[in-house]
Amino acid sequence: MDPVAAKFIGGGIAVIALFGVGIGLGKMFSSLIEAISRNPSAKKDLMSTGFTCFAMVESVALLAFIVAMCLLFVV
């Protein structure tokens, strides 16, 4: 196999994780909105937990993106 083709295939495989991140963020924020609409008095606690979880899930997306870019441009 051509090394350039292998780099592109590896970069594409590394980005597959972004589909899971998108689905996870959608489910998380829909649940957050539903929880706030059910109990508006707990909005402060729910928002802080929601943004913490957002940061953790988004770190997976950043890691996948960095791995893909390293495969494409460094290796």
C-alpha atoms as a PDB file:
ATOM      1  CA  MET A   1       0.000   0.000   0.000  1.00  0.00           C
ATOM      2  CA  ASP A   2       1.162   3.506  -0.768  1.00  0.00           C
ATOM      3  CA  PRO A   3       2.310   5.328   2.414  1.00  0.00           C
ATOM      4  CA  VAL A   4       0.384   8.471   1.477  1.00  0.00           C
ATOM      5  CA  ALA A   5      -2.826   6.471   1.087  1.00  0.00           C
ATOM      6  CA  ALA A   6      -2.211   4.820   4.454  1.00  0.00           C
ATOM      7  CA  LYS A   7      -1.855   8.257   6.073  1.00  0.00           C
ATOM      8  CA  PHE A   8      -5.188   9.380   4.646  1.00  0.00           C
ATOM      9  CA  ILE A   9      -6.930   6.176   5.703  1.00  0.00           C
ATOM     10  CA  GLY A  10      -5.476   6.456   9.213  1.00  0.00           C
ATOM     11  CA  GLY A  11      -6.560  10.082   9.485  1.00  0.00           C
ATOM     12  CA  GLY A  12     -10.077   9.151   8.409  1.00  0.00           C
ATOM     13  CA  ILE A  13     -10.252   6.338  10.933  1.00  0.00           C
ATOM     14  CA  ALA A  14      -9.048   8.665  13.695  1.00  0.00           C
ATOM     15  CA  VAL A  15     -11.887  11.084  12.979  1.00  0.00           C
ATOM     16  CA  ILE A  16     -14.597   8.417  13.369  1.00  0.00           C
ATOM     17  CA  ALA A  17     -14.652   9.289  17.078  1.00  0.00           C
ATOM     18  CA  LEU A  18     -16.159  12.672  16.184  1.00  0.00           C
ATOM     19  CA  PHE A  19     -19.465  11.003  15.291  1.00  0.00           C
ATOM     20  CA  GLY A  20     -19.733   9.681  18.839  1.00  0.00           C
ATOM     21  CA  VAL A  21     -18.809  13.068  20.252  1.00  0.00           C
ATOM     22  CA  GLY A  22     -21.552  14.756  18.234  1.00  0.00           C
ATOM     23  CA  ILE A  23     -24.160  12.245  19.330  1.00  0.00           C
ATOM     24  CA  GLY A  24     -23.015  12.459  22.950  1.00  0.00           C
ATOM     25  CA  LEU A  25     -23.114  16.243  23.032  1.00  0.00           C
ATOM     26  CA  GLY A  26     -26.579  16.278  21.498  1.00  0.00           C
ATOM     27  CA  LYS A  27     -27.921  13.826  24.049  1.00  0.00           C
ATOM     28  CA  MET A  28     -26.199  15.613  26.913  1.00  0.00           C
ATOM     29  CA  PHE A  29     -27.557  19.061  26.092  1.00  0.00           C
ATOM     30  CA  SER A  30     -31.045  17.763  25.351  1.00  0.00           C
ATOM     31  CA  SER A  31     -31.073  16.092  28.760  1.00  0.00           C
ATOM     32  CA  LEU A  32     -29.715  19.272  30.347  1.00  0.00           C
ATOM     33  CA  ILE A  33     -32.469  21.392  28.806  1.00  0.00           C
ATOM     34  CA  GLU A  34     -35.088  18.871  29.876  1.00  0.00           C
ATOM     35  CA  ALA A  35     -33.752  18.772  33.442  1.00  0.00           C
ATOM     36  CA  ILE A  36     -33.702  22.563  33.697  1.00  0.00           C
ATOM     37  CA  SER A  37     -37.243  22.801  32.357  1.00  0.00           C
ATOM     38  CA  ARG A  38     -38.413  20.281  34.963  1.00  0.00           C
ATOM     39  CA  ASN A  39     -36.615  21.941  37.873  1.00  0.00           C
ATOM     40  CA  PRO A  40     -35.655  25.574  37.183  1.00  0.00           C
ATOM     41  CA  SER A  41     -34.423  26.128  40.743  1.00  0.00           C
ATOM     42  CA  ALA A  42     -31.530  23.698  40.152  1.00  0.00           C
ATOM     43  CA  LYS A  43     -30.324  25.554  37.066  1.00  0.00           C
ATOM     44  CA  LYS A  44     -27.030  26.709  38.616  1.00  0.00           C
ATOM     45  CA  ASP A  45     -25.981  23.210  39.694  1.00  0.00           C
ATOM     46  CA  LEU A  46     -27.107  21.626  36.436  1.00  0.00           C
ATOM     47  CA  MET A  47     -25.304  24.189  34.278  1.00  0.00           C
ATOM     48  CA  SER A  48     -21.995  23.749  36.086  1.00  0.00           C
ATOM     49  CA  THR A  49     -22.228  19.970  35.777  1.00  0.00           C
ATOM     50  CA  GLY A  50     -23.303  20.270  32.144  1.00  0.00           C
ATOM     51  CA  PHE A  51     -20.380  22.468  31.180  1.00  0.00           C
ATOM     52  CA  THR A  52     -17.941  20.198  33.011  1.00  0.00           C
ATOM     53  CA  CYS A  53     -19.262  17.205  31.073  1.00  0.00           C
ATOM     54  CA  PHE A  54     -19.154  19.249  27.861  1.00  0.00           C
ATOM     55  CA  ALA A  55     -15.458  19.941  28.436  1.00  0.00           C
ATOM     56  CA  MET A  56     -14.728  16.267  29.054  1.00  0.00           C
ATOM     57  CA  VAL A  57     -16.572  15.109  25.936  1.00  0.00           C
ATOM     58  CA  GLU A  58     -15.048  17.868  23.824  1.00  0.00           C
ATOM     59  CA  SER A  59     -11.565  16.784  24.941  1.00  0.00           C
ATOM     60  CA  VAL A  60     -12.182  13.481  23.148  1.00  0.00           C
ATOM     61  CA  ALA A  61     -12.960  15.439  19.982  1.00  0.00           C
ATOM     62  CA  LEU A  62      -9.784  17.479  20.335  1.00  0.00           C
ATOM     63  CA  LEU A  63      -7.732  14.345  20.914  1.00  0.00           C
ATOM     64  CA  ALA A  64      -9.191  12.686  17.802  1.00  0.00           C
ATOM     65  CA  PHE A  65      -8.517  15.817  15.758  1.00  0.00           C
ATOM     66  CA  ILE A  66      -4.916  16.065  16.994  1.00  0.00           C
ATOM     67  CA  VAL A  67      -4.283  12.392  16.234  1.00  0.00           C
ATOM     68  CA  ALA A  68      -5.692  12.833  12.720  1.00  0.00           C
ATOM     69  CA  MET A  69      -3.570  15.924  12.074  1.00  0.00           C
ATOM     70  CA  CYS A  70      -0.442  14.189  13.404  1.00  0.00           C
ATOM     71  CA  LEU A  71      -1.089  11.228  11.127  1.00  0.00           C
ATOM     72  CA  LEU A  72      -1.591  13.468   8.122  1.00  0.00           C
ATOM     73  CA  PHE A  73       1.204  15.993   8.587  1.00  0.00           C
ATOM     74  CA  VAL A  74       3.831  14.636  10.993  1.00  0.00           C
ATOM     75  CA  VAL A  75       4.229  10.964  10.207  1.00  0.00           C
END
